Amino acid sequence: MHVTFLTLNRLGRSAVNEMLLEIPDERVLPNDLRDHIVSKTDGTSLFIEELTESVLESDLVVRTQMAYQLKGPLSTLGISSTLQDSLLARLHRIPEMKGVAQTAAAIGREFSLALLGR
């Protein structure tokens, strides 16, 4: 068996900003929200993606034709502080997924899709 270890470094501020410019619908995030995501995620790409998606799927922002706008001051919006908090918030917004996650947790760390389906 051949194993390769690969160290993944955190992304720098400019790389995180580039990721945020690649939002699928090409609307622009407010600067203060972008800065908040950069500082909270500490360059962790999974957290950057998850936190951004979580905010965009929530009722914290309003979509306009060209951009997103915050519904209120950033400090009052209750944006998740950790990846775990962000994932849990998403699970609570989608009730069907919460049950799937609970079942998967009861099965264990590794399982087949067929087992989860049963």
N, C-alpha and C. Protein backbone atom coordinates (compact mmCIF):
# COMPACT_ATOMS: atom_id res chain seq x y z
N MET A 1 0.85 -1.18 0.00
CA MET A 1 0.00 0.00 0.00
C MET A 1 0.89 1.24 0.00
N HIS A 2 0.57 2.17 -0.87
CA HIS A 2 1.32 3.41 -0.96
C HIS A 2 0.48 4.55 -0.39
N VAL A 3 1.06 5.28 0.54
CA VAL A 3 0.35 6.39 1.18
C VAL A 3 1.16 7.66 1.00
N THR A 4 0.48 8.71 0.65
CA THR A 4 1.13 10.01 0.53
C THR A 4 0.49 10.96 1.51
N PHE A 5 1.30 11.58 2.33
CA PHE A 5 0.78 12.58 3.27
C PHE A 5 0.93 13.94 2.62
N LEU A 6 -0.11 14.71 2.73
CA LEU A 6 -0.11 16.03 2.13
C LEU A 6 -0.56 17.03 3.18
N THR A 7 0.28 18.01 3.43
CA THR A 7 -0.05 19.03 4.40
C THR A 7 -0.80 20.16 3.69
N LEU A 8 -1.97 20.46 4.16
CA LEU A 8 -2.75 21.55 3.59
C LEU A 8 -2.66 22.75 4.53
N ASN A 9 -2.12 23.81 4.03
CA ASN A 9 -2.01 25.03 4.82
C ASN A 9 -3.30 25.83 4.72
N ARG A 10 -3.49 26.69 5.67
CA ARG A 10 -4.65 27.59 5.64
C ARG A 10 -4.49 28.55 4.48
N LEU A 11 -5.62 28.97 3.94
CA LEU A 11 -5.59 29.93 2.84
C LEU A 11 -5.32 31.33 3.39
N GLY A 12 -4.61 32.10 2.62
CA GLY A 12 -4.36 33.49 3.00
C GLY A 12 -5.58 34.36 2.71
N ARG A 13 -5.57 35.55 3.23
CA ARG A 13 -6.70 36.48 3.09
C ARG A 13 -7.08 36.70 1.62
N SER A 14 -6.09 36.86 0.75
CA SER A 14 -6.40 37.12 -0.66
C SER A 14 -7.04 35.89 -1.31
N ALA A 15 -6.60 34.68 -0.95
CA ALA A 15 -7.19 33.45 -1.50
C ALA A 15 -8.63 33.28 -1.02
N VAL A 16 -8.89 33.62 0.24
CA VAL A 16 -10.26 33.54 0.77
C VAL A 16 -11.16 34.53 0.02
N ASN A 17 -10.66 35.74 -0.17
CA ASN A 17 -11.44 36.73 -0.93
C ASN A 17 -11.71 36.26 -2.34
N GLU A 18 -10.74 35.59 -2.97
CA GLU A 18 -10.96 35.04 -4.31
C GLU A 18 -12.06 33.98 -4.28
N MET A 19 -12.05 33.12 -3.26
CA MET A 19 -13.10 32.11 -3.13
C MET A 19 -14.47 32.78 -3.03
N LEU A 20 -14.54 33.84 -2.25
CA LEU A 20 -15.82 34.51 -2.03
C LEU A 20 -16.31 35.23 -3.29
N LEU A 21 -15.39 35.55 -4.18
CA LEU A 21 -15.79 36.16 -5.45
C LEU A 21 -16.35 35.13 -6.43
N GLU A 22 -16.15 33.84 -6.12
CA GLU A 22 -16.61 32.77 -7.00
C GLU A 22 -17.96 32.20 -6.57
N ILE A 23 -18.75 32.97 -5.86
CA ILE A 23 -20.08 32.53 -5.44
C ILE A 23 -20.87 32.19 -6.70
N PRO A 24 -21.55 31.04 -6.72
CA PRO A 24 -22.18 30.56 -7.95
C PRO A 24 -23.08 31.56 -8.68
N ASP A 25 -23.84 32.35 -7.99
CA ASP A 25 -24.77 33.24 -8.70
C ASP A 25 -24.15 34.61 -9.02
N GLU A 26 -22.87 34.76 -8.70
CA GLU A 26 -22.09 35.94 -9.05
C GLU A 26 -22.57 37.26 -8.42
N ARG A 27 -23.40 37.18 -7.39
CA ARG A 27 -23.75 38.40 -6.65
C ARG A 27 -22.60 38.72 -5.70
N VAL A 28 -22.43 39.95 -5.39
CA VAL A 28 -21.33 40.40 -4.53
C VAL A 28 -21.78 40.43 -3.07
N LEU A 29 -20.90 39.95 -2.20
CA LEU A 29 -21.17 40.02 -0.75
C LEU A 29 -20.79 41.39 -0.23
N PRO A 30 -21.52 41.90 0.77
CA PRO A 30 -21.11 43.16 1.39
C PRO A 30 -19.70 43.03 1.98
N ASN A 31 -18.92 44.11 1.91
CA ASN A 31 -17.54 44.08 2.40
C ASN A 31 -17.44 43.63 3.84
N ASP A 32 -18.33 44.13 4.72
CA ASP A 32 -18.23 43.75 6.13
C ASP A 32 -18.54 42.26 6.34
N LEU A 33 -19.45 41.70 5.55
CA LEU A 33 -19.74 40.28 5.65
C LEU A 33 -18.56 39.47 5.13
N ARG A 34 -17.97 39.90 4.03
CA ARG A 34 -16.80 39.22 3.49
C ARG A 34 -15.66 39.25 4.51
N ASP A 35 -15.41 40.40 5.12
CA ASP A 35 -14.36 40.52 6.14
C ASP A 35 -14.65 39.60 7.33
N HIS A 36 -15.91 39.51 7.71
CA HIS A 36 -16.31 38.65 8.83
C HIS A 36 -16.02 37.18 8.50
N ILE A 37 -16.38 36.76 7.30
CA ILE A 37 -16.13 35.37 6.89
C ILE A 37 -14.63 35.10 6.86
N VAL A 38 -13.86 36.03 6.34
CA VAL A 38 -12.40 35.86 6.29
C VAL A 38 -11.84 35.68 7.70
N SER A 39 -12.27 36.52 8.63
CA SER A 39 -11.71 36.45 9.99
C SER A 39 -12.21 35.23 10.77
N LYS A 40 -13.47 34.86 10.61
CA LYS A 40 -14.03 33.72 11.36
C LYS A 40 -13.49 32.38 10.90
N THR A 41 -13.26 32.23 9.60
CA THR A 41 -12.91 30.93 9.06
C THR A 41 -11.42 30.61 9.14
N ASP A 42 -10.60 31.58 9.41
CA ASP A 42 -9.17 31.39 9.62
C ASP A 42 -8.52 30.61 8.48
N GLY A 43 -8.99 30.82 7.24
CA GLY A 43 -8.36 30.22 6.08
C GLY A 43 -8.68 28.75 5.85
N THR A 44 -9.66 28.21 6.56
CA THR A 44 -10.04 26.80 6.40
C THR A 44 -11.09 26.70 5.30
N SER A 45 -10.71 26.11 4.16
CA SER A 45 -11.57 26.15 2.97
C SER A 45 -12.95 25.54 3.20
N LEU A 46 -13.05 24.42 3.90
CA LEU A 46 -14.36 23.82 4.16
C LEU A 46 -15.23 24.77 4.96
N PHE A 47 -14.66 25.42 5.97
CA PHE A 47 -15.43 26.36 6.79
C PHE A 47 -15.83 27.59 5.97
N ILE A 48 -14.95 28.04 5.09
CA ILE A 48 -15.28 29.17 4.23
C ILE A 48 -16.51 28.84 3.39
N GLU A 49 -16.48 27.69 2.75
CA GLU A 49 -17.61 27.28 1.91
C GLU A 49 -18.88 27.11 2.74
N GLU A 50 -18.76 26.42 3.86
CA GLU A 50 -19.94 26.13 4.68
C GLU A 50 -20.54 27.38 5.27
N LEU A 51 -19.71 28.25 5.82
CA LEU A 51 -20.22 29.48 6.43
C LEU A 51 -20.88 30.38 5.39
N THR A 52 -20.25 30.48 4.23
CA THR A 52 -20.82 31.30 3.16
C THR A 52 -22.16 30.75 2.72
N GLU A 53 -22.24 29.45 2.46
CA GLU A 53 -23.50 28.82 2.05
C GLU A 53 -24.57 28.98 3.14
N SER A 54 -24.16 28.78 4.37
CA SER A 54 -25.09 28.91 5.49
C SER A 54 -25.70 30.31 5.55
N VAL A 55 -24.86 31.32 5.40
CA VAL A 55 -25.34 32.70 5.43
C VAL A 55 -26.27 32.97 4.25
N LEU A 56 -25.89 32.50 3.06
CA LEU A 56 -26.68 32.76 1.87
C LEU A 56 -28.02 32.03 1.89
N GLU A 57 -28.08 30.87 2.55
CA GLU A 57 -29.33 30.11 2.64
C GLU A 57 -30.22 30.59 3.79
N SER A 58 -29.68 31.40 4.66
CA SER A 58 -30.43 31.87 5.83
C SER A 58 -31.24 33.10 5.48
N ASP A 59 -31.88 33.64 6.49
CA ASP A 59 -32.62 34.89 6.29
C ASP A 59 -31.80 36.10 6.77
N LEU A 60 -30.47 35.95 6.80
CA LEU A 60 -29.60 37.03 7.24
C LEU A 60 -29.32 38.04 6.13
N VAL A 61 -29.50 37.61 4.89
CA VAL A 61 -29.20 38.49 3.76
C VAL A 61 -30.39 38.54 2.81
N VAL A 62 -30.41 39.61 2.04
CA VAL A 62 -31.42 39.80 0.99
C VAL A 62 -30.68 39.80 -0.34
N ARG A 63 -31.22 39.07 -1.30
CA ARG A 63 -30.62 39.05 -2.64
C ARG A 63 -31.19 40.20 -3.46
N THR A 64 -30.31 41.00 -4.02
CA THR A 64 -30.74 42.02 -4.98
C THR A 64 -30.24 41.55 -6.35
N GLN A 65 -30.46 42.34 -7.36
CA GLN A 65 -30.08 41.92 -8.70
C GLN A 65 -28.58 41.68 -8.85
N MET A 66 -27.78 42.52 -8.21
CA MET A 66 -26.33 42.43 -8.39
C MET A 66 -25.55 42.01 -7.14
N ALA A 67 -26.20 42.01 -5.98
CA ALA A 67 -25.44 41.80 -4.74
C ALA A 67 -26.33 41.19 -3.66
N TYR A 68 -25.69 40.92 -2.54
CA TYR A 68 -26.40 40.54 -1.31
C TYR A 68 -26.33 41.72 -0.37
N GLN A 69 -27.37 41.92 0.43
CA GLN A 69 -27.36 42.97 1.44
C GLN A 69 -27.73 42.35 2.78
N LEU A 70 -27.05 42.79 3.82
CA LEU A 70 -27.36 42.32 5.16
C LEU A 70 -28.70 42.90 5.60
N LYS A 71 -29.47 42.11 6.34
CA LYS A 71 -30.75 42.58 6.85
C LYS A 71 -30.61 43.47 8.07
N GLY A 72 -29.46 43.47 8.68
CA GLY A 72 -29.24 44.28 9.87
C GLY A 72 -27.76 44.40 10.13
N PRO A 73 -27.40 45.02 11.26
CA PRO A 73 -25.98 45.13 11.61
C PRO A 73 -25.36 43.74 11.78
N LEU A 74 -24.17 43.58 11.29
CA LEU A 74 -23.49 42.29 11.34
C LEU A 74 -23.41 41.74 12.76
N SER A 75 -23.22 42.59 13.73
CA SER A 75 -23.06 42.15 15.12
C SER A 75 -24.34 41.53 15.70
N THR A 76 -25.48 41.79 15.10
CA THR A 76 -26.75 41.29 15.65
C THR A 76 -27.29 40.08 14.89
N LEU A 77 -26.58 39.62 13.87
CA LEU A 77 -27.15 38.58 13.00
C LEU A 77 -26.93 37.16 13.48
N GLY A 78 -26.05 36.93 14.43
CA GLY A 78 -25.87 35.58 14.97
C GLY A 78 -25.26 34.60 13.98
N ILE A 79 -24.22 35.02 13.29
CA ILE A 79 -23.54 34.14 12.35
C ILE A 79 -22.68 33.15 13.13
N SER A 80 -22.70 31.90 12.72
CA SER A 80 -21.98 30.83 13.42
C SER A 80 -20.50 31.15 13.59
N SER A 81 -19.96 30.70 14.73
CA SER A 81 -18.55 30.96 15.04
C SER A 81 -17.64 29.80 14.68
N THR A 82 -18.18 28.59 14.58
CA THR A 82 -17.35 27.42 14.28
C THR A 82 -17.99 26.63 13.15
N LEU A 83 -17.21 25.76 12.54
CA LEU A 83 -17.74 24.89 11.49
C LEU A 83 -18.84 24.02 12.05
N GLN A 84 -18.66 23.49 13.24
CA GLN A 84 -19.68 22.64 13.85
C GLN A 84 -20.98 23.43 14.05
N ASP A 85 -20.89 24.65 14.56
CA ASP A 85 -22.09 25.47 14.74
C ASP A 85 -22.79 25.73 13.42
N SER A 86 -22.01 25.98 12.38
CA SER A 86 -22.57 26.25 11.06
C SER A 86 -23.30 25.03 10.51
N LEU A 87 -22.68 23.86 10.64
CA LEU A 87 -23.32 22.63 10.17
C LEU A 87 -24.57 22.31 10.97
N LEU A 88 -24.52 22.51 12.28
CA LEU A 88 -25.71 22.26 13.11
C LEU A 88 -26.84 23.22 12.75
N ALA A 89 -26.52 24.47 12.50
CA ALA A 89 -27.55 25.44 12.11
C ALA A 89 -28.20 25.01 10.81
N ARG A 90 -27.41 24.52 9.87
CA ARG A 90 -27.97 24.05 8.61
C ARG A 90 -28.88 22.84 8.83
N LEU A 91 -28.45 21.91 9.68
CA LEU A 91 -29.28 20.74 9.98
C LEU A 91 -30.62 21.14 10.58
N HIS A 92 -30.61 22.15 11.44
CA HIS A 92 -31.86 22.59 12.08
C HIS A 92 -32.80 23.28 11.09
N ARG A 93 -32.25 23.87 10.03
CA ARG A 93 -33.08 24.53 9.03
C ARG A 93 -33.72 23.53 8.06
N ILE A 94 -33.15 22.31 7.97
CA ILE A 94 -33.67 21.29 7.06
C ILE A 94 -34.06 20.07 7.89
N PRO A 95 -35.30 20.01 8.37
CA PRO A 95 -35.71 18.96 9.29
C PRO A 95 -35.45 17.53 8.78
N GLU A 96 -35.62 17.29 7.49
CA GLU A 96 -35.40 15.94 6.96
C GLU A 96 -33.95 15.51 7.14
N MET A 97 -33.03 16.44 7.02
CA MET A 97 -31.61 16.12 7.13
C MET A 97 -31.20 15.84 8.57
N LYS A 98 -31.90 16.43 9.51
CA LYS A 98 -31.56 16.21 10.91
C LYS A 98 -31.74 14.73 11.26
N GLY A 99 -32.82 14.13 10.79
CA GLY A 99 -33.06 12.71 11.04
C GLY A 99 -32.02 11.82 10.40
N VAL A 100 -31.62 12.16 9.19
CA VAL A 100 -30.58 11.40 8.50
C VAL A 100 -29.27 11.49 9.28
N ALA A 101 -28.92 12.68 9.73
CA ALA A 101 -27.69 12.87 10.48
C ALA A 101 -27.73 12.10 11.80
N GLN A 102 -28.88 12.11 12.47
CA GLN A 102 -28.99 11.37 13.73
C GLN A 102 -28.86 9.87 13.51
N THR A 103 -29.46 9.37 12.44
CA THR A 103 -29.35 7.94 12.12
C THR A 103 -27.91 7.59 11.81
N ALA A 104 -27.25 8.40 10.99
CA ALA A 104 -25.85 8.15 10.64
C ALA A 104 -24.98 8.16 11.89
N ALA A 105 -25.23 9.09 12.80
CA ALA A 105 -24.45 9.15 14.03
C ALA A 105 -24.64 7.90 14.88
N ALA A 106 -25.85 7.36 14.87
CA ALA A 106 -26.13 6.15 15.65
C ALA A 106 -25.44 4.92 15.05
N ILE A 107 -25.31 4.90 13.71
CA ILE A 107 -24.66 3.76 13.04
C ILE A 107 -23.16 3.76 13.33
N GLY A 108 -22.53 4.90 13.23
CA GLY A 108 -21.09 4.97 13.46
C GLY A 108 -20.39 5.78 12.40
N ARG A 109 -19.06 5.72 12.42
CA ARG A 109 -18.26 6.55 11.51
C ARG A 109 -18.28 6.07 10.07
N GLU A 110 -18.40 4.79 9.84
CA GLU A 110 -18.37 4.25 8.49
C GLU A 110 -19.59 3.37 8.26
N PHE A 111 -20.23 3.58 7.10
CA PHE A 111 -21.40 2.79 6.74
C PHE A 111 -21.68 2.99 5.26
N SER A 112 -22.43 2.07 4.70
CA SER A 112 -22.77 2.18 3.28
C SER A 112 -24.06 2.99 3.14
N LEU A 113 -24.27 3.50 1.95
CA LEU A 113 -25.50 4.23 1.66
C LEU A 113 -26.71 3.31 1.81
N ALA A 114 -26.53 2.04 1.41
CA ALA A 114 -27.62 1.06 1.52
C ALA A 114 -28.03 0.88 2.98
N LEU A 115 -27.05 0.78 3.87
CA LEU A 115 -27.37 0.63 5.29
C LEU A 115 -28.11 1.86 5.81
N LEU A 116 -27.63 3.03 5.45
CA LEU A 116 -28.29 4.26 5.88
C LEU A 116 -29.72 4.33 5.34
N GLY A 117 -29.92 3.86 4.12
CA GLY A 117 -31.25 3.84 3.51
C GLY A 117 -32.23 2.93 4.25
N ARG A 118 -31.71 1.85 4.79
CA ARG A 118 -32.58 0.92 5.53
C ARG A 118 -32.97 1.51 6.85
